[in-house]
Amino acid sequence: QLQLVESGGGLVPAGGSLRLSCAASDRTFSSYTMGWLRQAPGKEREFVASISWSGGSSSYADSVKGRFTISRDNAKNTMYLQMNSLKPEDTAVYFCRATLGPRNYWGQGTQVTVSS
């Protein structure tokens, strides 16, 4: 079973930047489509971004387009989310997800708090 561990969250002022990482437990990582989702207090979990197994294709929620960049390094079994121009509404717990066919694996989440 693939295990995922997020890191890089924290408290940042509005307009600041953070880079989240999602480290996978083994080399099967390179077979998975990877994604970031987030959940704010009192709200449902929502899609943020995803990236194909090769890194050649990515997609973003409209709310983060132009500010966030998803990437992956299959040699390091790690996915990243570079977040720039952060807004208070980006405050949430950010989760990484690995998908392959019917299988989905989740990390435990990392808190991102953007102060106004």
PDB file of N, CA and C in Angstrom:
ATOM      1  N   GLN A   1       0.838  -1.178   0.000  1.00  0.00           N
ATOM      2  CA  GLN A   1       0.000   0.000   0.000  1.00  0.00           C
ATOM      3  C   GLN A   1       0.884   1.243   0.000  1.00  0.00           C
ATOM      4  N   LEU A   2       0.600   2.150  -0.914  1.00  0.00           N
ATOM      5  CA  LEU A   2       1.396   3.370  -1.012  1.00  0.00           C
ATOM      6  C   LEU A   2       1.095   4.269   0.179  1.00  0.00           C
ATOM      7  N   GLN A   3       2.138   4.782   0.807  1.00  0.00           N
ATOM      8  CA  GLN A   3       1.972   5.737   1.903  1.00  0.00           C
ATOM      9  C   GLN A   3       2.460   7.101   1.458  1.00  0.00           C
ATOM     10  N   LEU A   4       1.733   8.137   1.874  1.00  0.00           N
ATOM     11  CA  LEU A   4       2.024   9.501   1.468  1.00  0.00           C
ATOM     12  C   LEU A   4       2.166  10.383   2.701  1.00  0.00           C
ATOM     13  N   VAL A   5       3.177  11.241   2.691  1.00  0.00           N
ATOM     14  CA  VAL A   5       3.401  12.152   3.806  1.00  0.00           C
ATOM     15  C   VAL A   5       3.592  13.564   3.260  1.00  0.00           C
ATOM     16  N   GLU A   6       2.695  14.466   3.664  1.00  0.00           N
ATOM     17  CA  GLU A   6       2.806  15.869   3.263  1.00  0.00           C
ATOM     18  C   GLU A   6       3.669  16.645   4.255  1.00  0.00           C
ATOM     19  N   SER A   7       4.283  17.699   3.764  1.00  0.00           N
ATOM     20  CA  SER A   7       5.035  18.612   4.616  1.00  0.00           C
ATOM     21  C   SER A   7       5.082  19.968   3.942  1.00  0.00           C
ATOM     22  N   GLY A   8       5.509  20.967   4.705  1.00  0.00           N
ATOM     23  CA  GLY A   8       5.711  22.300   4.139  1.00  0.00           C
ATOM     24  C   GLY A   8       4.641  23.308   4.478  1.00  0.00           C
ATOM     25  N   GLY A   9       3.598  22.881   5.175  1.00  0.00           N
ATOM     26  CA  GLY A   9       2.566  23.830   5.558  1.00  0.00           C
ATOM     27  C   GLY A   9       3.056  24.788   6.633  1.00  0.00           C
ATOM     28  N   GLY A  10       2.233  25.798   6.917  1.00  0.00           N
ATOM     29  CA  GLY A  10       2.599  26.750   7.947  1.00  0.00           C
ATOM     30  C   GLY A  10       1.738  27.985   7.886  1.00  0.00           C
ATOM     31  N   LEU A  11       2.188  29.007   8.625  1.00  0.00           N
ATOM     32  CA  LEU A  11       1.492  30.295   8.684  1.00  0.00           C
ATOM     33  C   LEU A  11       2.265  31.292   7.828  1.00  0.00           C
ATOM     34  N   VAL A  12       1.559  31.971   6.937  1.00  0.00           N
ATOM     35  CA  VAL A  12       2.202  32.907   6.021  1.00  0.00           C
ATOM     36  C   VAL A  12       1.281  34.110   5.836  1.00  0.00           C
ATOM     37  N   PRO A  13       1.818  35.323   5.685  1.00  0.00           N
ATOM     38  CA  PRO A  13       0.957  36.480   5.434  1.00  0.00           C
ATOM     39  C   PRO A  13       0.412  36.461   4.013  1.00  0.00           C
ATOM     40  N   ALA A  14      -0.699  37.150   3.824  1.00  0.00           N
ATOM     41  CA  ALA A  14      -1.268  37.264   2.487  1.00  0.00           C
ATOM     42  C   ALA A  14      -0.219  37.824   1.525  1.00  0.00           C
ATOM     43  N   GLY A  15      -0.181  37.250   0.335  1.00  0.00           N
ATOM     44  CA  GLY A  15       0.820  37.624  -0.649  1.00  0.00           C
ATOM     45  C   GLY A  15       2.086  36.798  -0.589  1.00  0.00           C
ATOM     46  N   GLY A  16       2.219  36.002   0.436  1.00  0.00           N
ATOM     47  CA  GLY A  16       3.412  35.183   0.597  1.00  0.00           C
ATOM     48  C   GLY A  16       3.362  33.891  -0.194  1.00  0.00           C
ATOM     49  N   SER A  17       4.390  33.077   0.021  1.00  0.00           N
ATOM     50  CA  SER A  17       4.540  31.820  -0.724  1.00  0.00           C
ATOM     51  C   SER A  17       4.853  30.663   0.221  1.00  0.00           C
ATOM     52  N   LEU A  18       4.464  29.488  -0.203  1.00  0.00           N
ATOM     53  CA  LEU A  18       4.826  28.247   0.476  1.00  0.00           C
ATOM     54  C   LEU A  18       5.013  27.178  -0.592  1.00  0.00           C
ATOM     55  N   ARG A  19       5.850  26.183  -0.275  1.00  0.00           N
ATOM     56  CA  ARG A  19       5.964  25.016  -1.140  1.00  0.00           C
ATOM     57  C   ARG A  19       5.642  23.777  -0.327  1.00  0.00           C
ATOM     58  N   LEU A  20       4.607  23.074  -0.736  1.00  0.00           N
ATOM     59  CA  LEU A  20       4.240  21.827  -0.098  1.00  0.00           C
ATOM     60  C   LEU A  20       4.925  20.666  -0.813  1.00  0.00           C
ATOM     61  N   SER A  21       5.229  19.637  -0.035  1.00  0.00           N
ATOM     62  CA  SER A  21       5.803  18.410  -0.581  1.00  0.00           C
ATOM     63  C   SER A  21       4.946  17.228  -0.173  1.00  0.00           C
ATOM     64  N   CYS A  22       4.925  16.220  -1.014  1.00  0.00           N
ATOM     65  CA  CYS A  22       4.237  14.970  -0.718  1.00  0.00           C
ATOM     66  C   CYS A  22       5.191  13.841  -1.073  1.00  0.00           C
ATOM     67  N   ALA A  23       5.702  13.175  -0.051  1.00  0.00           N
ATOM     68  CA  ALA A  23       6.672  12.100  -0.252  1.00  0.00           C
ATOM     69  C   ALA A  23       5.971  10.756  -0.218  1.00  0.00           C
ATOM     70  N   ALA A  24       6.244   9.940  -1.221  1.00  0.00           N
ATOM     71  CA  ALA A  24       5.637   8.613  -1.307  1.00  0.00           C
ATOM     72  C   ALA A  24       6.610   7.557  -0.806  1.00  0.00           C
ATOM     73  N   SER A  25       6.047   6.429  -0.396  1.00  0.00           N
ATOM     74  CA  SER A  25       6.836   5.403   0.284  1.00  0.00           C
ATOM     75  C   SER A  25       7.624   4.486  -0.647  1.00  0.00           C
ATOM     76  N   ASP A  26       7.264   4.435  -1.938  1.00  0.00           N
ATOM     77  CA  ASP A  26       7.998   3.520  -2.815  1.00  0.00           C
ATOM     78  C   ASP A  26       7.926   3.969  -4.273  1.00  0.00           C
ATOM     79  N   ARG A  27       8.675   3.250  -5.103  1.00  0.00           N
ATOM     80  CA  ARG A  27       8.864   3.692  -6.489  1.00  0.00           C
ATOM     81  C   ARG A  27       7.640   3.505  -7.375  1.00  0.00           C
ATOM     82  N   THR A  28       6.602   2.818  -6.846  1.00  0.00           N
ATOM     83  CA  THR A  28       5.385   2.721  -7.648  1.00  0.00           C
ATOM     84  C   THR A  28       4.737   4.101  -7.797  1.00  0.00           C
ATOM     85  N   PHE A  29       5.217   5.058  -7.029  1.00  0.00           N
ATOM     86  CA  PHE A  29       4.776   6.459  -7.109  1.00  0.00           C
ATOM     87  C   PHE A  29       4.717   6.924  -8.562  1.00  0.00           C
ATOM     88  N   SER A  30       5.695   6.527  -9.365  1.00  0.00           N
ATOM     89  CA  SER A  30       5.775   7.033 -10.737  1.00  0.00           C
ATOM     90  C   SER A  30       4.635   6.536 -11.619  1.00  0.00           C
ATOM     91  N   SER A  31       3.865   5.577 -11.139  1.00  0.00           N
ATOM     92  CA  SER A  31       2.740   5.051 -11.915  1.00  0.00           C
ATOM     93  C   SER A  31       1.441   5.805 -11.647  1.00  0.00           C
ATOM     94  N   TYR A  32       1.428   6.587 -10.580  1.00  0.00           N
ATOM     95  CA  TYR A  32       0.197   7.197 -10.108  1.00  0.00           C
ATOM     96  C   TYR A  32      -0.009   8.600 -10.660  1.00  0.00           C
ATOM     97  N   THR A  33      -1.258   8.905 -10.989  1.00  0.00           N
ATOM     98  CA  THR A  33      -1.664  10.298 -11.125  1.00  0.00           C
ATOM     99  C   THR A  33      -1.738  10.872  -9.723  1.00  0.00           C
ATOM    100  N   MET A  34      -1.155  12.048  -9.561  1.00  0.00           N
ATOM    101  CA  MET A  34      -1.103  12.665  -8.236  1.00  0.00           C
ATOM    102  C   MET A  34      -1.922  13.946  -8.204  1.00  0.00           C
ATOM    103  N   GLY A  35      -2.428  14.250  -7.034  1.00  0.00           N
ATOM    104  CA  GLY A  35      -3.213  15.467  -6.917  1.00  0.00           C
ATOM    105  C   GLY A  35      -3.123  16.078  -5.537  1.00  0.00           C
ATOM    106  N   TRP A  36      -3.473  17.355  -5.492  1.00  0.00           N
ATOM    107  CA  TRP A  36      -3.628  18.090  -4.236  1.00  0.00           C
ATOM    108  C   TRP A  36      -5.094  18.483  -4.093  1.00  0.00           C
ATOM    109  N   LEU A  37      -5.615  18.277  -2.904  1.00  0.00           N
ATOM    110  CA  LEU A  37      -6.947  18.739  -2.551  1.00  0.00           C
ATOM    111  C   LEU A  37      -6.842  19.471  -1.230  1.00  0.00           C
ATOM    112  N   ARG A  38      -7.844  20.272  -0.918  1.00  0.00           N
ATOM    113  CA  ARG A  38      -7.807  21.013   0.337  1.00  0.00           C
ATOM    114  C   ARG A  38      -9.191  21.050   0.971  1.00  0.00           C
ATOM    115  N   GLN A  39      -9.177  21.229   2.273  1.00  0.00           N
ATOM    116  CA  GLN A  39     -10.432  21.303   3.009  1.00  0.00           C
ATOM    117  C   GLN A  39     -10.336  22.408   4.049  1.00  0.00           C
ATOM    118  N   ALA A  40     -11.185  23.409   3.880  1.00  0.00           N
ATOM    119  CA  ALA A  40     -11.266  24.510   4.835  1.00  0.00           C
ATOM    120  C   ALA A  40     -12.289  24.162   5.910  1.00  0.00           C
ATOM    121  N   PRO A  41     -12.192  24.793   7.083  1.00  0.00           N
ATOM    122  CA  PRO A  41     -13.145  24.492   8.165  1.00  0.00           C
ATOM    123  C   PRO A  41     -14.582  24.693   7.712  1.00  0.00           C
ATOM    124  N   GLY A  42     -15.415  23.700   7.956  1.00  0.00           N
ATOM    125  CA  GLY A  42     -16.823  23.798   7.622  1.00  0.00           C
ATOM    126  C   GLY A  42     -17.148  23.625   6.156  1.00  0.00           C
ATOM    127  N   LYS A  43     -16.142  23.288   5.355  1.00  0.00           N
ATOM    128  CA  LYS A  43     -16.373  23.141   3.912  1.00  0.00           C
ATOM    129  C   LYS A  43     -15.985  21.739   3.455  1.00  0.00           C
ATOM    130  N   GLU A  44     -16.465  21.381   2.277  1.00  0.00           N
ATOM    131  CA  GLU A  44     -16.102  20.086   1.714  1.00  0.00           C
ATOM    132  C   GLU A  44     -14.698  20.146   1.115  1.00  0.00           C
ATOM    133  N   ARG A  45     -14.100  18.972   1.018  1.00  0.00           N
ATOM    134  CA  ARG A  45     -12.786  18.872   0.392  1.00  0.00           C
ATOM    135  C   ARG A  45     -12.928  19.230  -1.094  1.00  0.00           C
ATOM    136  N   GLU A  46     -11.989  20.027  -1.592  1.00  0.00           N
ATOM    137  CA  GLU A  46     -12.072  20.468  -2.975  1.00  0.00           C
ATOM    138  C   GLU A  46     -10.762  20.240  -3.713  1.00  0.00           C
ATOM    139  N   PHE A  47     -10.900  20.038  -5.007  1.00  0.00           N
ATOM    140  CA  PHE A  47      -9.759  19.827  -5.892  1.00  0.00           C
ATOM    141  C   PHE A  47      -8.937  21.112  -6.004  1.00  0.00           C
ATOM    142  N   VAL A  48      -7.620  20.951  -5.985  1.00  0.00           N
ATOM    143  CA  VAL A  48      -6.711  22.078  -6.196  1.00  0.00           C
ATOM    144  C   VAL A  48      -5.934  21.913  -7.508  1.00  0.00           C
ATOM    145  N   ALA A  49      -5.255  20.771  -7.642  1.00  0.00           N
ATOM    146  CA  ALA A  49      -4.447  20.548  -8.837  1.00  0.00           C
ATOM    147  C   ALA A  49      -4.138  19.066  -8.968  1.00  0.00           C
ATOM    148  N   SER A  50      -3.818  18.646 -10.188  1.00  0.00           N
ATOM    149  CA  SER A  50      -3.397  17.271 -10.417  1.00  0.00           C
ATOM    150  C   SER A  50      -2.319  17.236 -11.490  1.00  0.00           C
ATOM    151  N   ILE A  51      -1.576  16.131 -11.508  1.00  0.00           N
ATOM    152  CA  ILE A  51      -0.486  15.970 -12.471  1.00  0.00           C
ATOM    153  C   ILE A  51      -0.417  14.520 -12.893  1.00  0.00           C
ATOM    154  N   SER A  52      -0.164  14.304 -14.176  1.00  0.00           N
ATOM    155  CA  SER A  52      -0.115  12.950 -14.708  1.00  0.00           C
ATOM    156  C   SER A  52       1.109  12.208 -14.211  1.00  0.00           C
ATOM    157  N   TRP A  53       1.146  10.897 -14.456  1.00  0.00           N
ATOM    158  CA  TRP A  53       2.248  10.082 -13.951  1.00  0.00           C
ATOM    159  C   TRP A  53       3.604  10.555 -14.463  1.00  0.00           C
ATOM    160  N   SER A  54       3.638  11.073 -15.679  1.00  0.00           N
ATOM    161  CA  SER A  54       4.903  11.503 -16.265  1.00  0.00           C
ATOM    162  C   SER A  54       5.239  12.956 -15.947  1.00  0.00           C
ATOM    163  N   GLY A  55       4.247  13.681 -15.451  1.00  0.00           N
ATOM    164  CA  GLY A  55       4.435  15.117 -15.249  1.00  0.00           C
ATOM    165  C   GLY A  55       4.150  15.943 -16.482  1.00  0.00           C
ATOM    166  N   GLY A  56       3.748  15.284 -17.552  1.00  0.00           N
ATOM    167  CA  GLY A  56       3.545  15.991 -18.800  1.00  0.00           C
ATOM    168  C   GLY A  56       2.229  16.719 -18.921  1.00  0.00           C
ATOM    169  N   SER A  57       1.324  16.438 -18.011  1.00  0.00           N
ATOM    170  CA  SER A  57       0.002  17.058 -18.057  1.00  0.00           C
ATOM    171  C   SER A  57      -0.434  17.436 -16.654  1.00  0.00           C
ATOM    172  N   SER A  58      -1.012  18.619 -16.516  1.00  0.00           N
ATOM    173  CA  SER A  58      -1.489  19.059 -15.211  1.00  0.00           C
ATOM    174  C   SER A  58      -2.776  19.864 -15.373  1.00  0.00           C
ATOM    175  N   SER A  59      -3.506  19.963 -14.291  1.00  0.00           N
ATOM    176  CA  SER A  59      -4.724  20.764 -14.307  1.00  0.00           C
ATOM    177  C   SER A  59      -4.879  21.454 -12.968  1.00  0.00           C
ATOM    178  N   TYR A  60      -5.646  22.546 -12.973  1.00  0.00           N
ATOM    179  CA  TYR A  60      -5.794  23.384 -11.788  1.00  0.00           C
ATOM    180  C   TYR A  60      -7.236  23.826 -11.607  1.00  0.00           C
ATOM    181  N   ALA A  61      -7.599  24.028 -10.356  1.00  0.00           N
ATOM    182  CA  ALA A  61      -8.862  24.702 -10.071  1.00  0.00           C
ATOM    183  C   ALA A  61      -8.741  26.153 -10.508  1.00  0.00           C
ATOM    184  N   ASP A  62      -9.849  26.716 -10.944  1.00  0.00           N
ATOM    185  CA  ASP A  62      -9.822  28.110 -11.395  1.00  0.00           C
ATOM    186  C   ASP A  62      -9.319  29.049 -10.307  1.00  0.00           C
ATOM    187  N   SER A  63      -9.629  28.709  -9.065  1.00  0.00           N
ATOM    188  CA  SER A  63      -9.288  29.598  -7.955  1.00  0.00           C
ATOM    189  C   SER A  63      -7.788  29.714  -7.714  1.00  0.00           C
ATOM    190  N   VAL A  64      -6.997  28.775  -8.232  1.00  0.00           N
ATOM    191  CA  VAL A  64      -5.548  28.798  -7.989  1.00  0.00           C
ATOM    192  C   VAL A  64      -4.739  28.955  -9.265  1.00  0.00           C
ATOM    193  N   LYS A  65      -5.399  28.946 -10.407  1.00  0.00           N
ATOM    194  CA  LYS A  65      -4.689  29.052 -11.687  1.00  0.00           C
ATOM    195  C   LYS A  65      -3.876  30.336 -11.726  1.00  0.00           C
ATOM    196  N   GLY A  66      -2.624  30.199 -12.160  1.00  0.00           N
ATOM    197  CA  GLY A  66      -1.745  31.351 -12.254  1.00  0.00           C
ATOM    198  C   GLY A  66      -1.006  31.660 -10.967  1.00  0.00           C
ATOM    199  N   ARG A  67      -1.408  31.047  -9.866  1.00  0.00           N
ATOM    200  CA  ARG A  67      -0.745  31.279  -8.577  1.00  0.00           C
ATOM    201  C   ARG A  67      -0.040  30.035  -8.062  1.00  0.00           C
ATOM    202  N   PHE A  68      -0.616  28.863  -8.325  1.00  0.00           N
ATOM    203  CA  PHE A  68      -0.060  27.596  -7.831  1.00  0.00           C
ATOM    204  C   PHE A  68       0.538  26.818  -9.001  1.00  0.00           C
ATOM    205  N   THR A  69       1.596  26.059  -8.703  1.00  0.00           N
ATOM    206  CA  THR A  69       2.211  25.193  -9.698  1.00  0.00           C
ATOM    207  C   THR A  69       2.456  23.819  -9.093  1.00  0.00           C
ATOM    208  N   ILE A  70       1.929  22.800  -9.746  1.00  0.00           N
ATOM    209  CA  ILE A  70       2.142  21.414  -9.310  1.00  0.00           C
ATOM    210  C   ILE A  70       3.285  20.820 -10.111  1.00  0.00           C
ATOM    211  N   SER A  71       4.093  20.000  -9.456  1.00  0.00           N
ATOM    212  CA  SER A  71       5.194  19.336 -10.143  1.00  0.00           C
ATOM    213  C   SER A  71       5.506  18.034  -9.416  1.00  0.00           C
ATOM    214  N   ARG A  72       6.330  17.216 -10.028  1.00  0.00           N
ATOM    215  CA  ARG A  72       6.722  15.953  -9.401  1.00  0.00           C
ATOM    216  C   ARG A  72       8.132  15.591  -9.835  1.00  0.00           C
ATOM    217  N   ASP A  73       8.780  14.827  -8.972  1.00  0.00           N
ATOM    218  CA  ASP A  73      10.106  14.293  -9.264  1.00  0.00           C
ATOM    219  C   ASP A  73      10.022  12.799  -9.007  1.00  0.00           C
ATOM    220  N   ASN A  74       9.854  12.023 -10.065  1.00  0.00           N
ATOM    221  CA  ASN A  74       9.670  10.582  -9.890  1.00  0.00           C
ATOM    222  C   ASN A  74      10.930   9.905  -9.353  1.00  0.00           C
ATOM    223  N   ALA A  75      12.086  10.488  -9.588  1.00  0.00           N
ATOM    224  CA  ALA A  75      13.317   9.912  -9.050  1.00  0.00           C
ATOM    225  C   ALA A  75      13.367  10.023  -7.529  1.00  0.00           C
ATOM    226  N   LYS A  76      12.648  11.028  -6.996  1.00  0.00           N
ATOM    227  CA  LYS A  76      12.624  11.231  -5.544  1.00  0.00           C
ATOM    228  C   LYS A  76      11.311  10.788  -4.914  1.00  0.00           C
ATOM    229  N   ASN A  77      10.414  10.226  -5.726  1.00  0.00           N
ATOM    230  CA  ASN A  77       9.103   9.791  -5.217  1.00  0.00           C
ATOM    231  C   ASN A  77       8.376  10.926  -4.509  1.00  0.00           C
ATOM    232  N   THR A  78       8.436  12.112  -5.068  1.00  0.00           N
ATOM    233  CA  THR A  78       7.901  13.289  -4.395  1.00  0.00           C
ATOM    234  C   THR A  78       7.136  14.183  -5.365  1.00  0.00           C
ATOM    235  N   MET A  79       6.053  14.742  -4.867  1.00  0.00           N
ATOM    236  CA  MET A  79       5.258  15.721  -5.593  1.00  0.00           C
ATOM    237  C   MET A  79       5.303  17.034  -4.818  1.00  0.00           C
ATOM    238  N   TYR A  80       5.155  18.134  -5.562  1.00  0.00           N
ATOM    239  CA  TYR A  80       5.243  19.447  -4.944  1.00  0.00           C
ATOM    240  C   TYR A  80       4.046  20.315  -5.341  1.00  0.00           C
ATOM    241  N   LEU A  81       3.785  21.314  -4.507  1.00  0.00           N
ATOM    242  CA  LEU A  81       2.826  22.358  -4.851  1.00  0.00           C
ATOM    243  C   LEU A  81       3.447  23.691  -4.449  1.00  0.00           C
ATOM    244  N   GLN A  82       3.868  24.459  -5.446  1.00  0.00           N
ATOM    245  CA  GLN A  82       4.383  25.801  -5.188  1.00  0.00           C
ATOM    246  C   GLN A  82       3.198  26.756  -5.166  1.00  0.00           C
ATOM    247  N   MET A  83       3.029  27.443  -4.050  1.00  0.00           N
ATOM    248  CA  MET A  83       1.893  28.339  -3.870  1.00  0.00           C
ATOM    249  C   MET A  83       2.408  29.756  -3.710  1.00  0.00           C
ATOM    250  N   ASN A  84       2.062  30.615  -4.644  1.00  0.00           N
ATOM    251  CA  ASN A  84       2.460  32.017  -4.609  1.00  0.00           C
ATOM    252  C   ASN A  84       1.228  32.907  -4.478  1.00  0.00           C
ATOM    253  N   SER A  85       1.463  34.153  -4.108  1.00  0.00           N
ATOM    254  CA  SER A  85       0.381  35.139  -3.982  1.00  0.00           C
ATOM    255  C   SER A  85      -0.773  34.571  -3.159  1.00  0.00           C
ATOM    256  N   LEU A  86      -0.427  34.014  -2.020  1.00  0.00           N
ATOM    257  CA  LEU A  86      -1.439  33.358  -1.191  1.00  0.00           C
ATOM    258  C   LEU A  86      -2.456  34.351  -0.655  1.00  0.00           C
ATOM    259  N   LYS A  87      -3.686  33.865  -0.538  1.00  0.00           N
ATOM    260  CA  LYS A  87      -4.801  34.664  -0.055  1.00  0.00           C
ATOM    261  C   LYS A  87      -5.377  34.019   1.202  1.00  0.00           C
ATOM    262  N   PRO A  88      -6.044  34.796   2.048  1.00  0.00           N
ATOM    263  CA  PRO A  88      -6.666  34.198   3.239  1.00  0.00           C
ATOM    264  C   PRO A  88      -7.615  33.046   2.896  1.00  0.00           C
ATOM    265  N   GLU A  89      -8.262  33.117   1.744  1.00  0.00           N
ATOM    266  CA  GLU A  89      -9.185  32.047   1.357  1.00  0.00           C
ATOM    267  C   GLU A  89      -8.479  30.762   0.940  1.00  0.00           C
ATOM    268  N   ASP A  90      -7.152  30.789   0.875  1.00  0.00           N
ATOM    269  CA  ASP A  90      -6.382  29.564   0.623  1.00  0.00           C
ATOM    270  C   ASP A  90      -6.153  28.775   1.910  1.00  0.00           C
ATOM    271  N   THR A  91      -6.537  29.344   3.044  1.00  0.00           N
ATOM    272  CA  THR A  91      -6.372  28.659   4.321  1.00  0.00           C
ATOM    273  C   THR A  91      -7.173  27.362   4.332  1.00  0.00           C
ATOM    274  N   ALA A  92      -6.483  26.257   4.616  1.00  0.00           N
ATOM    275  CA  ALA A  92      -7.104  24.941   4.594  1.00  0.00           C
ATOM    276  C   ALA A  92      -6.077  23.895   5.001  1.00  0.00           C
ATOM    277  N   VAL A  93      -6.568  22.679   5.213  1.00  0.00           N
ATOM    278  CA  VAL A  93      -5.672  21.531   5.294  1.00  0.00           C
ATOM    279  C   VAL A  93      -5.513  20.997   3.871  1.00  0.00           C
ATOM    280  N   TYR A  94      -4.266  20.837   3.455  1.00  0.00           N
ATOM    281  CA  TYR A  94      -3.959  20.376   2.115  1.00  0.00           C
ATOM    282  C   TYR A  94      -3.561  18.899   2.157  1.00  0.00           C
ATOM    283  N   PHE A  95      -4.214  18.131   1.295  1.00  0.00           N
ATOM    284  CA  PHE A  95      -3.995  16.694   1.225  1.00  0.00           C
ATOM    285  C   PHE A  95      -3.417  16.320  -0.131  1.00  0.00           C
ATOM    286  N   CYS A  96      -2.516  15.359  -0.155  1.00  0.00           N
ATOM    287  CA  CYS A  96      -2.111  14.801  -1.437  1.00  0.00           C
ATOM    288  C   CYS A  96      -2.813  13.463  -1.638  1.00  0.00           C
ATOM    289  N   ARG A  97      -3.042  13.138  -2.884  1.00  0.00           N
ATOM    290  CA  ARG A  97      -3.764  11.924  -3.251  1.00  0.00           C
ATOM    291  C   ARG A  97      -3.066  11.259  -4.426  1.00  0.00           C
ATOM    292  N   ALA A  98      -2.964   9.944  -4.349  1.00  0.00           N
ATOM    293  CA  ALA A  98      -2.407   9.141  -5.440  1.00  0.00           C
ATOM    294  C   ALA A  98      -3.525   8.286  -6.017  1.00  0.00           C
ATOM    295  N   THR A  99      -3.660   8.299  -7.328  1.00  0.00           N
ATOM    296  CA  THR A  99      -4.740   7.573  -8.000  1.00  0.00           C
ATOM    297  C   THR A  99      -4.178   6.689  -9.102  1.00  0.00           C
ATOM    298  N   LEU A 100      -4.630   5.417  -9.086  1.00  0.00           N
ATOM    299  CA  LEU A 100      -4.296   4.496 -10.171  1.00  0.00           C
ATOM    300  C   LEU A 100      -5.478   3.568 -10.347  1.00  0.00           C
ATOM    301  N   GLY A 101      -6.216   3.754 -11.420  1.00  0.00           N
ATOM    302  CA  GLY A 101      -7.438   2.983 -11.610  1.00  0.00           C
ATOM    303  C   GLY A 101      -8.393   3.240 -10.461  1.00  0.00           C
ATOM    304  N   PRO A 102      -8.887   2.158  -9.824  1.00  0.00           N
ATOM    305  CA  PRO A 102      -9.829   2.335  -8.715  1.00  0.00           C
ATOM    306  C   PRO A 102      -9.165   2.652  -7.375  1.00  0.00           C
ATOM    307  N   ARG A 103      -7.854   2.625  -7.354  1.00  0.00           N
ATOM    308  CA  ARG A 103      -7.138   2.832  -6.094  1.00  0.00           C
ATOM    309  C   ARG A 103      -6.837   4.307  -5.847  1.00  0.00           C
ATOM    310  N   ASN A 104      -7.138   4.726  -4.613  1.00  0.00           N
ATOM    311  CA  ASN A 104      -6.804   6.069  -4.156  1.00  0.00           C
ATOM    312  C   ASN A 104      -6.113   5.968  -2.814  1.00  0.00           C
ATOM    313  N   TYR A 105      -5.010   6.670  -2.671  1.00  0.00           N
ATOM    314  CA  TYR A 105      -4.315   6.748  -1.388  1.00  0.00           C
ATOM    315  C   TYR A 105      -4.184   8.220  -1.006  1.00  0.00           C
ATOM    316  N   TRP A 106      -4.293   8.465   0.312  1.00  0.00           N
ATOM    317  CA  TRP A 106      -4.275   9.837   0.823  1.00  0.00           C
ATOM    318  C   TRP A 106      -3.176  10.014   1.852  1.00  0.00           C
ATOM    319  N   GLY A 107      -2.649  11.219   1.913  1.00  0.00           N
ATOM    320  CA  GLY A 107      -1.792  11.598   3.014  1.00  0.00           C
ATOM    321  C   GLY A 107      -2.636  12.096   4.172  1.00  0.00           C
ATOM    322  N   GLN A 108      -1.949  12.455   5.256  1.00  0.00           N
ATOM    323  CA  GLN A 108      -2.650  12.868   6.480  1.00  0.00           C
ATOM    324  C   GLN A 108      -2.996  14.354   6.468  1.00  0.00           C
ATOM    325  N   GLY A 109      -2.410  15.113   5.539  1.00  0.00           N
ATOM    326  CA  GLY A 109      -2.713  16.532   5.417  1.00  0.00           C
ATOM    327  C   GLY A 109      -1.695  17.420   6.104  1.00  0.00           C
ATOM    328  N   THR A 110      -1.589  18.640   5.597  1.00  0.00           N
ATOM    329  CA  THR A 110      -0.737  19.646   6.211  1.00  0.00           C
ATOM    330  C   THR A 110      -1.500  20.969   6.218  1.00  0.00           C
ATOM    331  N   GLN A 111      -1.427  21.676   7.335  1.00  0.00           N
ATOM    332  CA  GLN A 111      -2.210  22.899   7.519  1.00  0.00           C
ATOM    333  C   GLN A 111      -1.502  24.085   6.863  1.00  0.00           C
ATOM    334  N   VAL A 112      -2.264  24.830   6.087  1.00  0.00           N
ATOM    335  CA  VAL A 112      -1.796  26.097   5.524  1.00  0.00           C
ATOM    336  C   VAL A 112      -2.720  27.190   6.044  1.00  0.00           C
ATOM    337  N   THR A 113      -2.131  28.191   6.685  1.00  0.00           N
ATOM    338  CA  THR A 113      -2.903  29.310   7.206  1.00  0.00           C
ATOM    339  C   THR A 113      -2.334  30.603   6.634  1.00  0.00           C
ATOM    340  N   VAL A 114      -3.194  31.380   5.985  1.00  0.00           N
ATOM    341  CA  VAL A 114      -2.789  32.644   5.376  1.00  0.00           C
ATOM    342  C   VAL A 114      -3.461  33.768   6.153  1.00  0.00           C
ATOM    343  N   SER A 115      -2.646  34.620   6.748  1.00  0.00           N
ATOM    344  CA  SER A 115      -3.180  35.718   7.554  1.00  0.00           C
ATOM    345  C   SER A 115      -3.409  36.953   6.681  1.00  0.00           C
ATOM    346  N   SER A 116      -4.442  37.691   7.036  1.00  0.00           N
ATOM    347  CA  SER A 116      -4.777  38.897   6.244  1.00  0.00           C
ATOM    348  C   SER A 116      -4.073  40.130   6.798  1.00  0.00           C
TER     349      SER A 116
END
